[in-house]
PDB file of N, CA and C in Angstrom:
ATOM      1  N   VAL A   1     -42.968 -63.104  31.157  1.00  0.00           N
ATOM      2  CA  VAL A   1     -42.262 -62.310  30.159  1.00  0.00           C
ATOM      3  C   VAL A   1     -41.781 -61.028  30.815  1.00  0.00           C
ATOM      4  N   GLN A   2     -40.536 -60.698  30.593  1.00  0.00           N
ATOM      5  CA  GLN A   2     -39.995 -59.455  31.144  1.00  0.00           C
ATOM      6  C   GLN A   2     -39.292 -58.667  30.059  1.00  0.00           C
ATOM      7  N   LEU A   3     -39.471 -57.374  30.096  1.00  0.00           N
ATOM      8  CA  LEU A   3     -38.808 -56.483  29.164  1.00  0.00           C
ATOM      9  C   LEU A   3     -38.090 -55.394  29.950  1.00  0.00           C
ATOM     10  N   GLN A   4     -36.947 -54.987  29.459  1.00  0.00           N
ATOM     11  CA  GLN A   4     -36.170 -53.969  30.140  1.00  0.00           C
ATOM     12  C   GLN A   4     -35.565 -53.012  29.120  1.00  0.00           C
ATOM     13  N   GLU A   5     -35.904 -51.733  29.263  1.00  0.00           N
ATOM     14  CA  GLU A   5     -35.322 -50.713  28.390  1.00  0.00           C
ATOM     15  C   GLU A   5     -33.949 -50.293  28.910  1.00  0.00           C
ATOM     16  N   SER A   6     -33.080 -49.944  28.006  1.00  0.00           N
ATOM     17  CA  SER A   6     -31.773 -49.410  28.397  1.00  0.00           C
ATOM     18  C   SER A   6     -31.322 -48.391  27.367  1.00  0.00           C
ATOM     19  N   GLY A   7     -30.576 -47.417  27.853  1.00  0.00           N
ATOM     20  CA  GLY A   7     -30.079 -46.378  26.976  1.00  0.00           C
ATOM     21  C   GLY A   7     -29.721 -45.149  27.772  1.00  0.00           C
ATOM     22  N   PRO A   8     -29.232 -44.120  27.114  1.00  0.00           N
ATOM     23  CA  PRO A   8     -28.819 -42.911  27.828  1.00  0.00           C
ATOM     24  C   PRO A   8     -29.999 -42.134  28.358  1.00  0.00           C
ATOM     25  N   GLY A   9     -29.816 -41.522  29.491  1.00  0.00           N
ATOM     26  CA  GLY A   9     -30.872 -40.717  30.072  1.00  0.00           C
ATOM     27  C   GLY A   9     -30.871 -39.287  29.565  1.00  0.00           C
ATOM     28  N   LEU A  10     -29.799 -38.915  28.895  1.00  0.00           N
ATOM     29  CA  LEU A  10     -29.664 -37.541  28.400  1.00  0.00           C
ATOM     30  C   LEU A  10     -29.110 -37.590  26.977  1.00  0.00           C
ATOM     31  N   VAL A  11     -29.792 -36.919  26.077  1.00  0.00           N
ATOM     32  CA  VAL A  11     -29.357 -36.845  24.686  1.00  0.00           C
ATOM     33  C   VAL A  11     -29.368 -35.376  24.276  1.00  0.00           C
ATOM     34  N   GLN A  12     -28.335 -34.956  23.619  1.00  0.00           N
ATOM     35  CA  GLN A  12     -28.245 -33.562  23.215  1.00  0.00           C
ATOM     36  C   GLN A  12     -29.104 -33.290  21.978  1.00  0.00           C
ATOM     37  N   PRO A  13     -29.633 -32.088  21.856  1.00  0.00           N
ATOM     38  CA  PRO A  13     -30.438 -31.743  20.674  1.00  0.00           C
ATOM     39  C   PRO A  13     -29.680 -32.013  19.379  1.00  0.00           C
ATOM     40  N   SER A  14     -30.429 -32.476  18.397  1.00  0.00           N
ATOM     41  CA  SER A  14     -29.964 -32.832  17.054  1.00  0.00           C
ATOM     42  C   SER A  14     -29.244 -34.182  17.003  1.00  0.00           C
ATOM     43  N   GLN A  15     -28.987 -34.789  18.156  1.00  0.00           N
ATOM     44  CA  GLN A  15     -28.329 -36.089  18.168  1.00  0.00           C
ATOM     45  C   GLN A  15     -29.351 -37.214  17.984  1.00  0.00           C
ATOM     46  N   THR A  16     -28.846 -38.442  17.961  1.00  0.00           N
ATOM     47  CA  THR A  16     -29.698 -39.615  17.794  1.00  0.00           C
ATOM     48  C   THR A  16     -29.862 -40.344  19.110  1.00  0.00           C
ATOM     49  N   LEU A  17     -31.106 -40.597  19.455  1.00  0.00           N
ATOM     50  CA  LEU A  17     -31.427 -41.376  20.645  1.00  0.00           C
ATOM     51  C   LEU A  17     -31.456 -42.852  20.276  1.00  0.00           C
ATOM     52  N   SER A  18     -30.769 -43.662  21.060  1.00  0.00           N
ATOM     53  CA  SER A  18     -30.781 -45.105  20.827  1.00  0.00           C
ATOM     54  C   SER A  18     -31.179 -45.817  22.109  1.00  0.00           C
ATOM     55  N   LEU A  19     -32.217 -46.626  22.016  1.00  0.00           N
ATOM     56  CA  LEU A  19     -32.689 -47.408  23.157  1.00  0.00           C
ATOM     57  C   LEU A  19     -32.761 -48.879  22.770  1.00  0.00           C
ATOM     58  N   THR A  20     -32.482 -49.722  23.734  1.00  0.00           N
ATOM     59  CA  THR A  20     -32.543 -51.162  23.522  1.00  0.00           C
ATOM     60  C   THR A  20     -33.533 -51.783  24.486  1.00  0.00           C
ATOM     61  N   CYS A  21     -34.291 -52.727  23.995  1.00  0.00           N
ATOM     62  CA  CYS A  21     -35.215 -53.486  24.830  1.00  0.00           C
ATOM     63  C   CYS A  21     -34.735 -54.934  24.883  1.00  0.00           C
ATOM     64  N   THR A  22     -34.431 -55.394  26.074  1.00  0.00           N
ATOM     65  CA  THR A  22     -33.999 -56.774  26.259  1.00  0.00           C
ATOM     66  C   THR A  22     -35.168 -57.584  26.781  1.00  0.00           C
ATOM     67  N   VAL A  23     -35.472 -58.672  26.084  1.00  0.00           N
ATOM     68  CA  VAL A  23     -36.640 -59.484  26.394  1.00  0.00           C
ATOM     69  C   VAL A  23     -36.202 -60.818  26.984  1.00  0.00           C
ATOM     70  N   SER A  24     -36.878 -61.234  28.050  1.00  0.00           N
ATOM     71  CA  SER A  24     -36.644 -62.555  28.616  1.00  0.00           C
ATOM     72  C   SER A  24     -37.983 -63.235  28.842  1.00  0.00           C
ATOM     73  N   GLY A  25     -37.982 -64.556  28.756  1.00  0.00           N
ATOM     74  CA  GLY A  25     -39.201 -65.312  28.979  1.00  0.00           C
ATOM     75  C   GLY A  25     -40.036 -65.526  27.732  1.00  0.00           C
ATOM     76  N   ALA A  26     -39.631 -64.964  26.633  1.00  0.00           N
ATOM     77  CA  ALA A  26     -40.327 -65.148  25.352  1.00  0.00           C
ATOM     78  C   ALA A  26     -39.376 -64.771  24.238  1.00  0.00           C
ATOM     79  N   SER A  27     -39.602 -65.363  23.079  1.00  0.00           N
ATOM     80  CA  SER A  27     -38.769 -65.036  21.920  1.00  0.00           C
ATOM     81  C   SER A  27     -39.460 -63.981  21.068  1.00  0.00           C
ATOM     82  N   ILE A  28     -38.689 -63.014  20.600  1.00  0.00           N
ATOM     83  CA  ILE A  28     -39.263 -61.970  19.763  1.00  0.00           C
ATOM     84  C   ILE A  28     -39.543 -62.477  18.345  1.00  0.00           C
ATOM     85  N   THR A  29     -39.221 -63.733  18.072  1.00  0.00           N
ATOM     86  CA  THR A  29     -39.419 -64.263  16.725  1.00  0.00           C
ATOM     87  C   THR A  29     -40.597 -65.237  16.626  1.00  0.00           C
ATOM     88  N   THR A  30     -41.294 -65.469  17.721  1.00  0.00           N
ATOM     89  CA  THR A  30     -42.325 -66.504  17.674  1.00  0.00           C
ATOM     90  C   THR A  30     -43.742 -65.966  17.579  1.00  0.00           C
ATOM     91  N   ASP A  31     -43.986 -64.739  18.052  1.00  0.00           N
ATOM     92  CA  ASP A  31     -45.357 -64.220  17.980  1.00  0.00           C
ATOM     93  C   ASP A  31     -45.369 -62.781  18.479  1.00  0.00           C
ATOM     94  N   TYR A  32     -46.461 -62.083  18.240  1.00  0.00           N
ATOM     95  CA  TYR A  32     -46.739 -60.761  18.775  1.00  0.00           C
ATOM     96  C   TYR A  32     -46.040 -59.646  18.003  1.00  0.00           C
ATOM     97  N   TYR A  33     -46.479 -58.423  18.361  1.00  0.00           N
ATOM     98  CA  TYR A  33     -45.800 -57.213  17.939  1.00  0.00           C
ATOM     99  C   TYR A  33     -44.988 -56.696  19.124  1.00  0.00           C
ATOM    100  N   TRP A  34     -43.823 -56.200  18.823  1.00  0.00           N
ATOM    101  CA  TRP A  34     -42.908 -55.687  19.841  1.00  0.00           C
ATOM    102  C   TRP A  34     -42.753 -54.188  19.573  1.00  0.00           C
ATOM    103  N   SER A  35     -43.202 -53.403  20.538  1.00  0.00           N
ATOM    104  CA  SER A  35     -43.441 -51.988  20.272  1.00  0.00           C
ATOM    105  C   SER A  35     -42.636 -51.058  21.162  1.00  0.00           C
ATOM    106  N   TRP A  36     -42.565 -49.833  20.681  1.00  0.00           N
ATOM    107  CA  TRP A  36     -42.058 -48.710  21.467  1.00  0.00           C
ATOM    108  C   TRP A  36     -43.172 -47.677  21.585  1.00  0.00           C
ATOM    109  N   ILE A  37     -43.405 -47.219  22.811  1.00  0.00           N
ATOM    110  CA  ILE A  37     -44.311 -46.112  23.037  1.00  0.00           C
ATOM    111  C   ILE A  37     -43.620 -45.138  23.983  1.00  0.00           C
ATOM    112  N   ARG A  38     -44.133 -43.925  24.068  1.00  0.00           N
ATOM    113  CA  ARG A  38     -43.536 -42.950  24.964  1.00  0.00           C
ATOM    114  C   ARG A  38     -44.618 -42.077  25.580  1.00  0.00           C
ATOM    115  N   GLN A  39     -44.268 -41.508  26.714  1.00  0.00           N
ATOM    116  CA  GLN A  39     -45.164 -40.566  27.376  1.00  0.00           C
ATOM    117  C   GLN A  39     -44.435 -39.264  27.601  1.00  0.00           C
ATOM    118  N   VAL A  40     -44.837 -38.273  26.862  1.00  0.00           N
ATOM    119  CA  VAL A  40     -44.308 -36.926  27.015  1.00  0.00           C
ATOM    120  C   VAL A  40     -45.000 -36.286  28.215  1.00  0.00           C
ATOM    121  N   PRO A  41     -44.280 -35.534  29.038  1.00  0.00           N
ATOM    122  CA  PRO A  41     -44.907 -34.904  30.207  1.00  0.00           C
ATOM    123  C   PRO A  41     -46.169 -34.141  29.846  1.00  0.00           C
ATOM    124  N   GLY A  42     -47.250 -34.449  30.555  1.00  0.00           N
ATOM    125  CA  GLY A  42     -48.506 -33.741  30.350  1.00  0.00           C
ATOM    126  C   GLY A  42     -49.333 -34.253  29.184  1.00  0.00           C
ATOM    127  N   LYS A  43     -48.863 -35.298  28.510  1.00  0.00           N
ATOM    128  CA  LYS A  43     -49.592 -35.844  27.367  1.00  0.00           C
ATOM    129  C   LYS A  43     -49.833 -37.341  27.560  1.00  0.00           C
ATOM    130  N   GLY A  44     -50.642 -37.893  26.695  1.00  0.00           N
ATOM    131  CA  GLY A  44     -50.936 -39.316  26.753  1.00  0.00           C
ATOM    132  C   GLY A  44     -49.832 -40.140  26.113  1.00  0.00           C
ATOM    133  N   LEU A  45     -50.016 -41.437  26.132  1.00  0.00           N
ATOM    134  CA  LEU A  45     -49.046 -42.338  25.536  1.00  0.00           C
ATOM    135  C   LEU A  45     -49.091 -42.220  24.017  1.00  0.00           C
ATOM    136  N   GLU A  46     -47.922 -42.204  23.415  1.00  0.00           N
ATOM    137  CA  GLU A  46     -47.805 -42.104  21.968  1.00  0.00           C
ATOM    138  C   GLU A  46     -47.129 -43.366  21.435  1.00  0.00           C
ATOM    139  N   TRP A  47     -47.786 -44.036  20.510  1.00  0.00           N
ATOM    140  CA  TRP A  47     -47.180 -45.191  19.860  1.00  0.00           C
ATOM    141  C   TRP A  47     -46.155 -44.707  18.859  1.00  0.00           C
ATOM    142  N   MET A  48     -44.956 -45.272  18.921  1.00  0.00           N
ATOM    143  CA  MET A  48     -43.886 -44.845  18.027  1.00  0.00           C
ATOM    144  C   MET A  48     -43.679 -45.823  16.871  1.00  0.00           C
ATOM    145  N   GLY A  49     -43.818 -47.086  17.173  1.00  0.00           N
ATOM    146  CA  GLY A  49     -43.626 -48.076  16.125  1.00  0.00           C
ATOM    147  C   GLY A  49     -43.528 -49.466  16.703  1.00  0.00           C
ATOM    148  N   ALA A  50     -43.486 -50.445  15.808  1.00  0.00           N
ATOM    149  CA  ALA A  50     -43.441 -51.834  16.245  1.00  0.00           C
ATOM    150  C   ALA A  50     -42.717 -52.683  15.211  1.00  0.00           C
ATOM    151  N   ILE A  51     -42.190 -53.781  15.708  1.00  0.00           N
ATOM    152  CA  ILE A  51     -41.617 -54.790  14.819  1.00  0.00           C
ATOM    153  C   ILE A  51     -42.340 -56.099  15.086  1.00  0.00           C
ATOM    154  N   GLY A  52     -42.806 -56.706  14.019  1.00  0.00           N
ATOM    155  CA  GLY A  52     -43.523 -57.956  14.161  1.00  0.00           C
ATOM    156  C   GLY A  52     -42.572 -59.125  14.325  1.00  0.00           C
ATOM    157  N   TYR A  53     -43.121 -60.271  14.677  1.00  0.00           N
ATOM    158  CA  TYR A  53     -42.251 -61.406  14.974  1.00  0.00           C
ATOM    159  C   TYR A  53     -41.533 -61.940  13.737  1.00  0.00           C
ATOM    160  N   VAL A  54     -42.028 -61.594  12.546  1.00  0.00           N
ATOM    161  CA  VAL A  54     -41.315 -62.017  11.338  1.00  0.00           C
ATOM    162  C   VAL A  54     -40.344 -60.937  10.861  1.00  0.00           C
ATOM    163  N   GLY A  55     -40.354 -59.794  11.532  1.00  0.00           N
ATOM    164  CA  GLY A  55     -39.384 -58.750  11.218  1.00  0.00           C
ATOM    165  C   GLY A  55     -39.927 -57.543  10.487  1.00  0.00           C
ATOM    166  N   ALA A  56     -41.197 -57.556  10.132  1.00  0.00           N
ATOM    167  CA  ALA A  56     -41.778 -56.377   9.478  1.00  0.00           C
ATOM    168  C   ALA A  56     -41.880 -55.229  10.480  1.00  0.00           C
ATOM    169  N   VAL A  57     -41.631 -54.026  10.001  1.00  0.00           N
ATOM    170  CA  VAL A  57     -41.573 -52.861  10.892  1.00  0.00           C
ATOM    171  C   VAL A  57     -42.644 -51.850  10.502  1.00  0.00           C
ATOM    172  N   TYR A  58     -43.221 -51.208  11.488  1.00  0.00           N
ATOM    173  CA  TYR A  58     -44.302 -50.250  11.302  1.00  0.00           C
ATOM    174  C   TYR A  58     -43.989 -49.023  12.141  1.00  0.00           C
ATOM    175  N   TYR A  59     -44.311 -47.840  11.608  1.00  0.00           N
ATOM    176  CA  TYR A  59     -43.994 -46.596  12.305  1.00  0.00           C
ATOM    177  C   TYR A  59     -45.203 -45.677  12.366  1.00  0.00           C
ATOM    178  N   ASN A  60     -45.197 -44.831  13.391  1.00  0.00           N
ATOM    179  CA  ASN A  60     -46.158 -43.753  13.482  1.00  0.00           C
ATOM    180  C   ASN A  60     -45.742 -42.671  12.499  1.00  0.00           C
ATOM    181  N   PRO A  61     -46.602 -42.329  11.558  1.00  0.00           N
ATOM    182  CA  PRO A  61     -46.218 -41.324  10.542  1.00  0.00           C
ATOM    183  C   PRO A  61     -45.876 -39.967  11.140  1.00  0.00           C
ATOM    184  N   SER A  62     -46.391 -39.690  12.325  1.00  0.00           N
ATOM    185  CA  SER A  62     -46.144 -38.384  12.938  1.00  0.00           C
ATOM    186  C   SER A  62     -44.673 -38.171  13.269  1.00  0.00           C
ATOM    187  N   LEU A  63     -43.914 -39.244  13.317  1.00  0.00           N
ATOM    188  CA  LEU A  63     -42.492 -39.116  13.622  1.00  0.00           C
ATOM    189  C   LEU A  63     -41.677 -38.733  12.406  1.00  0.00           C
ATOM    190  N   LYS A  64     -42.345 -38.643  11.262  1.00  0.00           N
ATOM    191  CA  LYS A  64     -41.732 -38.101  10.048  1.00  0.00           C
ATOM    192  C   LYS A  64     -40.413 -38.762   9.706  1.00  0.00           C
ATOM    193  N   SER A  65     -40.400 -40.065   9.757  1.00  0.00           N
ATOM    194  CA  SER A  65     -39.247 -40.877   9.335  1.00  0.00           C
ATOM    195  C   SER A  65     -38.036 -40.730  10.253  1.00  0.00           C
ATOM    196  N   ARG A  66     -38.210 -40.143  11.401  1.00  0.00           N
ATOM    197  CA  ARG A  66     -37.070 -40.032  12.337  1.00  0.00           C
ATOM    198  C   ARG A  66     -36.811 -41.318  13.100  1.00  0.00           C
ATOM    199  N   ALA A  67     -37.821 -42.189  13.177  1.00  0.00           N
ATOM    200  CA  ALA A  67     -37.694 -43.395  13.977  1.00  0.00           C
ATOM    201  C   ALA A  67     -37.253 -44.580  13.130  1.00  0.00           C
ATOM    202  N   SER A  68     -36.467 -45.441  13.761  1.00  0.00           N
ATOM    203  CA  SER A  68     -36.027 -46.673  13.112  1.00  0.00           C
ATOM    204  C   SER A  68     -36.005 -47.778  14.168  1.00  0.00           C
ATOM    205  N   ILE A  69     -36.652 -48.893  13.866  1.00  0.00           N
ATOM    206  CA  ILE A  69     -36.695 -50.027  14.794  1.00  0.00           C
ATOM    207  C   ILE A  69     -36.019 -51.220  14.135  1.00  0.00           C
ATOM    208  N   SER A  70     -35.180 -51.882  14.892  1.00  0.00           N
ATOM    209  CA  SER A  70     -34.496 -53.069  14.397  1.00  0.00           C
ATOM    210  C   SER A  70     -34.427 -54.094  15.512  1.00  0.00           C
ATOM    211  N   ARG A  71     -33.885 -55.267  15.203  1.00  0.00           N
ATOM    212  CA  ARG A  71     -33.795 -56.294  16.225  1.00  0.00           C
ATOM    213  C   ARG A  71     -32.524 -57.114  16.067  1.00  0.00           C
ATOM    214  N   ASP A  72     -32.117 -57.713  17.166  1.00  0.00           N
ATOM    215  CA  ASP A  72     -31.012 -58.664  17.187  1.00  0.00           C
ATOM    216  C   ASP A  72     -31.577 -59.948  17.763  1.00  0.00           C
ATOM    217  N   THR A  73     -31.920 -60.878  16.893  1.00  0.00           N
ATOM    218  CA  THR A  73     -32.577 -62.095  17.361  1.00  0.00           C
ATOM    219  C   THR A  73     -31.638 -62.963  18.195  1.00  0.00           C
ATOM    220  N   SER A  74     -30.329 -62.848  17.968  1.00  0.00           N
ATOM    221  CA  SER A  74     -29.390 -63.658  18.745  1.00  0.00           C
ATOM    222  C   SER A  74     -29.358 -63.221  20.214  1.00  0.00           C
ATOM    223  N   LYS A  75     -29.683 -61.962  20.449  1.00  0.00           N
ATOM    224  CA  LYS A  75     -29.712 -61.438  21.820  1.00  0.00           C
ATOM    225  C   LYS A  75     -31.134 -61.269  22.344  1.00  0.00           C
ATOM    226  N   ASN A  76     -32.119 -61.565  21.491  1.00  0.00           N
ATOM    227  CA  ASN A  76     -33.531 -61.369  21.864  1.00  0.00           C
ATOM    228  C   ASN A  76     -33.780 -59.931  22.294  1.00  0.00           C
ATOM    229  N   GLN A  77     -33.284 -59.025  21.488  1.00  0.00           N
ATOM    230  CA  GLN A  77     -33.415 -57.590  21.759  1.00  0.00           C
ATOM    231  C   GLN A  77     -33.988 -56.875  20.535  1.00  0.00           C
ATOM    232  N   PHE A  78     -34.667 -55.771  20.785  1.00  0.00           N
ATOM    233  CA  PHE A  78     -35.024 -54.881  19.684  1.00  0.00           C
ATOM    234  C   PHE A  78     -34.718 -53.456  20.105  1.00  0.00           C
ATOM    235  N   THR A  79     -34.447 -52.623  19.126  1.00  0.00           N
ATOM    236  CA  THR A  79     -33.931 -51.294  19.416  1.00  0.00           C
ATOM    237  C   THR A  79     -34.755 -50.218  18.722  1.00  0.00           C
ATOM    238  N   LEU A  80     -34.681 -49.039  19.289  1.00  0.00           N
ATOM    239  CA  LEU A  80     -35.292 -47.845  18.721  1.00  0.00           C
ATOM    240  C   LEU A  80     -34.204 -46.813  18.524  1.00  0.00           C
ATOM    241  N   GLN A  81     -34.163 -46.244  17.339  1.00  0.00           N
ATOM    242  CA  GLN A  81     -33.322 -45.078  17.105  1.00  0.00           C
ATOM    243  C   GLN A  81     -34.219 -43.931  16.664  1.00  0.00           C
ATOM    244  N   LEU A  82     -33.984 -42.770  17.255  1.00  0.00           N
ATOM    245  CA  LEU A  82     -34.749 -41.574  16.925  1.00  0.00           C
ATOM    246  C   LEU A  82     -33.758 -40.467  16.610  1.00  0.00           C
ATOM    247  N   THR A  83     -33.775 -40.012  15.376  1.00  0.00           N
ATOM    248  CA  THR A  83     -32.784 -39.032  14.935  1.00  0.00           C
ATOM    249  C   THR A  83     -33.269 -37.602  15.186  1.00  0.00           C
ATOM    250  N   SER A  84     -32.325 -36.691  15.146  1.00  0.00           N
ATOM    251  CA  SER A  84     -32.613 -35.257  15.216  1.00  0.00           C
ATOM    252  C   SER A  84     -33.528 -34.906  16.374  1.00  0.00           C
ATOM    253  N   VAL A  85     -33.174 -35.364  17.567  1.00  0.00           N
ATOM    254  CA  VAL A  85     -34.053 -35.139  18.714  1.00  0.00           C
ATOM    255  C   VAL A  85     -34.093 -33.661  19.100  1.00  0.00           C
ATOM    256  N   THR A  86     -35.222 -33.276  19.668  1.00  0.00           N
ATOM    257  CA  THR A  86     -35.433 -31.929  20.193  1.00  0.00           C
ATOM    258  C   THR A  86     -35.958 -32.074  21.624  1.00  0.00           C
ATOM    259  N   PRO A  87     -36.054 -30.965  22.354  1.00  0.00           N
ATOM    260  CA  PRO A  87     -36.617 -31.057  23.709  1.00  0.00           C
ATOM    261  C   PRO A  87     -38.019 -31.672  23.739  1.00  0.00           C
ATOM    262  N   GLU A  88     -38.749 -31.610  22.626  1.00  0.00           N
ATOM    263  CA  GLU A  88     -40.082 -32.217  22.574  1.00  0.00           C
ATOM    264  C   GLU A  88     -40.030 -33.741  22.606  1.00  0.00           C
ATOM    265  N   ASP A  89     -38.851 -34.308  22.446  1.00  0.00           N
ATOM    266  CA  ASP A  89     -38.695 -35.762  22.548  1.00  0.00           C
ATOM    267  C   ASP A  89     -38.397 -36.207  23.972  1.00  0.00           C
ATOM    268  N   THR A  90     -38.323 -35.279  24.897  1.00  0.00           N
ATOM    269  CA  THR A  90     -38.181 -35.640  26.308  1.00  0.00           C
ATOM    270  C   THR A  90     -39.412 -36.411  26.746  1.00  0.00           C
ATOM    271  N   ALA A  91     -39.192 -37.611  27.278  1.00  0.00           N
ATOM    272  CA  ALA A  91     -40.325 -38.490  27.586  1.00  0.00           C
ATOM    273  C   ALA A  91     -39.820 -39.700  28.359  1.00  0.00           C
ATOM    274  N   VAL A  92     -40.767 -40.464  28.859  1.00  0.00           N
ATOM    275  CA  VAL A  92     -40.472 -41.807  29.347  1.00  0.00           C
ATOM    276  C   VAL A  92     -40.767 -42.756  28.194  1.00  0.00           C
ATOM    277  N   TYR A  93     -39.803 -43.578  27.845  1.00  0.00           N
ATOM    278  CA  TYR A  93     -39.921 -44.502  26.727  1.00  0.00           C
ATOM    279  C   TYR A  93     -40.125 -45.917  27.265  1.00  0.00           C
ATOM    280  N   TYR A  94     -41.099 -46.609  26.683  1.00  0.00           N
ATOM    281  CA  TYR A  94     -41.438 -47.971  27.090  1.00  0.00           C
ATOM    282  C   TYR A  94     -41.323 -48.917  25.894  1.00  0.00           C
ATOM    283  N   CYS A  95     -40.849 -50.118  26.177  1.00  0.00           N
ATOM    284  CA  CYS A  95     -40.937 -51.174  25.171  1.00  0.00           C
ATOM    285  C   CYS A  95     -41.896 -52.227  25.693  1.00  0.00           C
ATOM    286  N   GLY A  96     -42.550 -52.919  24.762  1.00  0.00           N
ATOM    287  CA  GLY A  96     -43.539 -53.877  25.205  1.00  0.00           C
ATOM    288  C   GLY A  96     -43.964 -54.842  24.127  1.00  0.00           C
ATOM    289  N   ARG A  97     -44.833 -55.725  24.514  1.00  0.00           N
ATOM    290  CA  ARG A  97     -45.352 -56.771  23.642  1.00  0.00           C
ATOM    291  C   ARG A  97     -46.871 -56.755  23.694  1.00  0.00           C
ATOM    292  N   ASP A  98     -47.484 -56.871  22.526  1.00  0.00           N
ATOM    293  CA  ASP A  98     -48.934 -56.880  22.469  1.00  0.00           C
ATOM    294  C   ASP A  98     -49.396 -57.602  21.224  1.00  0.00           C
ATOM    295  N   HIS A  99     -50.640 -58.041  21.232  1.00  0.00           N
ATOM    296  CA  HIS A  99     -51.221 -58.640  20.036  1.00  0.00           C
ATOM    297  C   HIS A  99     -51.509 -57.594  18.958  1.00  0.00           C
ATOM    298  N   GLU A 100     -51.738 -56.364  19.401  1.00  0.00           N
ATOM    299  CA  GLU A 100     -52.035 -55.287  18.480  1.00  0.00           C
ATOM    300  C   GLU A 100     -50.756 -54.626  18.005  1.00  0.00           C
ATOM    301  N   ARG A 101     -50.775 -54.157  16.765  1.00  0.00           N
ATOM    302  CA  ARG A 101     -49.612 -53.492  16.222  1.00  0.00           C
ATOM    303  C   ARG A 101     -49.451 -52.094  16.809  1.00  0.00           C
ATOM    304  N   ARG A 102     -50.559 -51.335  16.823  1.00  0.00           N
ATOM    305  CA  ARG A 102     -50.515 -49.954  17.287  1.00  0.00           C
ATOM    306  C   ARG A 102     -51.124 -49.905  18.678  1.00  0.00           C
ATOM    307  N   VAL A 103     -50.343 -49.569  19.654  1.00  0.00           N
ATOM    308  CA  VAL A 103     -50.751 -49.654  21.058  1.00  0.00           C
ATOM    309  C   VAL A 103     -50.570 -48.300  21.727  1.00  0.00           C
ATOM    310  N   THR A 104     -51.565 -47.893  22.503  1.00  0.00           N
ATOM    311  CA  THR A 104     -51.434 -46.653  23.281  1.00  0.00           C
ATOM    312  C   THR A 104     -51.826 -46.884  24.723  1.00  0.00           C
ATOM    313  N   THR A 105     -51.572 -48.085  25.194  1.00  0.00           N
ATOM    314  CA  THR A 105     -51.836 -48.403  26.585  1.00  0.00           C
ATOM    315  C   THR A 105     -50.819 -49.427  27.063  1.00  0.00           C
ATOM    316  N   THR A 106     -50.488 -49.348  28.336  1.00  0.00           N
ATOM    317  CA  THR A 106     -49.647 -50.378  28.943  1.00  0.00           C
ATOM    318  C   THR A 106     -50.465 -51.248  29.879  1.00  0.00           C
ATOM    319  N   SER A 107     -51.791 -51.124  29.797  1.00  0.00           N
ATOM    320  CA  SER A 107     -52.645 -51.867  30.723  1.00  0.00           C
ATOM    321  C   SER A 107     -52.870 -53.305  30.277  1.00  0.00           C
ATOM    322  N   ARG A 108     -52.427 -53.677  29.100  1.00  0.00           N
ATOM    323  CA  ARG A 108     -52.488 -55.071  28.670  1.00  0.00           C
ATOM    324  C   ARG A 108     -51.138 -55.432  28.076  1.00  0.00           C
ATOM    325  N   GLY A 109     -50.940 -56.718  27.854  1.00  0.00           N
ATOM    326  CA  GLY A 109     -49.653 -57.146  27.329  1.00  0.00           C
ATOM    327  C   GLY A 109     -48.582 -57.062  28.390  1.00  0.00           C
ATOM    328  N   PHE A 110     -47.348 -57.031  27.932  1.00  0.00           N
ATOM    329  CA  PHE A 110     -46.203 -56.941  28.828  1.00  0.00           C
ATOM    330  C   PHE A 110     -45.363 -55.741  28.435  1.00  0.00           C
ATOM    331  N   TRP A 111     -44.942 -54.982  29.433  1.00  0.00           N
ATOM    332  CA  TRP A 111     -44.199 -53.749  29.181  1.00  0.00           C
ATOM    333  C   TRP A 111     -43.055 -53.632  30.165  1.00  0.00           C
ATOM    334  N   GLY A 112     -42.008 -52.962  29.720  1.00  0.00           N
ATOM    335  CA  GLY A 112     -40.908 -52.667  30.607  1.00  0.00           C
ATOM    336  C   GLY A 112     -41.278 -51.544  31.560  1.00  0.00           C
ATOM    337  N   PRO A 113     -40.411 -51.275  32.525  1.00  0.00           N
ATOM    338  CA  PRO A 113     -40.703 -50.236  33.521  1.00  0.00           C
ATOM    339  C   PRO A 113     -40.588 -48.827  32.963  1.00  0.00           C
ATOM    340  N   GLY A 114     -40.000 -48.697  31.788  1.00  0.00           N
ATOM    341  CA  GLY A 114     -39.827 -47.389  31.194  1.00  0.00           C
ATOM    342  C   GLY A 114     -38.479 -46.796  31.534  1.00  0.00           C
ATOM    343  N   THR A 115     -37.993 -45.948  30.642  1.00  0.00           N
ATOM    344  CA  THR A 115     -36.737 -45.259  30.883  1.00  0.00           C
ATOM    345  C   THR A 115     -36.904 -43.782  30.515  1.00  0.00           C
ATOM    346  N   GLN A 116     -36.471 -42.930  31.410  1.00  0.00           N
ATOM    347  CA  GLN A 116     -36.604 -41.490  31.203  1.00  0.00           C
ATOM    348  C   GLN A 116     -35.484 -41.008  30.285  1.00  0.00           C
ATOM    349  N   VAL A 117     -35.874 -40.254  29.283  1.00  0.00           N
ATOM    350  CA  VAL A 117     -34.891 -39.642  28.385  1.00  0.00           C
ATOM    351  C   VAL A 117     -35.149 -38.136  28.364  1.00  0.00           C
ATOM    352  N   ALA A 118     -34.122 -37.379  28.580  1.00  0.00           N
ATOM    353  CA  ALA A 118     -34.233 -35.928  28.561  1.00  0.00           C
ATOM    354  C   ALA A 118     -33.401 -35.355  27.423  1.00  0.00           C
ATOM    355  N   VAL A 119     -34.002 -34.393  26.743  1.00  0.00           N
ATOM    356  CA  VAL A 119     -33.291 -33.639  25.710  1.00  0.00           C
ATOM    357  C   VAL A 119     -33.308 -32.189  26.163  1.00  0.00           C
ATOM    358  N   PRO A 120     -32.212 -31.643  26.565  1.00  0.00           N
ATOM    359  CA  PRO A 120     -32.198 -30.284  27.120  1.00  0.00           C
ATOM    360  C   PRO A 120     -32.428 -29.227  26.050  1.00  0.00           C
ATOM    361  N   SER A 121     -32.968 -28.113  26.492  1.00  0.00           N
ATOM    362  CA  SER A 121     -33.196 -27.008  25.552  1.00  0.00           C
ATOM    363  C   SER A 121     -31.998 -26.085  25.503  1.00  0.00           C
TER     364      SER A 121
END
């Protein structure tokens, strides 16, 4: 199973960050939770949300409704949108697959290499 994040490396404050995760070697509709997590510099991994294989979506309440996860089953992709970004959203963003819905580790399951996103101050 391979996952690959894609999206802009730089997003201006107050804009919307959009990232796509392209999955190969497994279908996002057959099993597992498909998640987004991020690592802010100097902090631990933060779970942002997940979409289950039947399409149900779950979010970290700390994101205060700024996050939105969707999927395109025809492309075997799922996406993250994060609105009203600030410099505090500067992080490495990872997409991945796990049996657990809420994940704060990349040491199990399958994860992409991560993509750096910067929001300038």
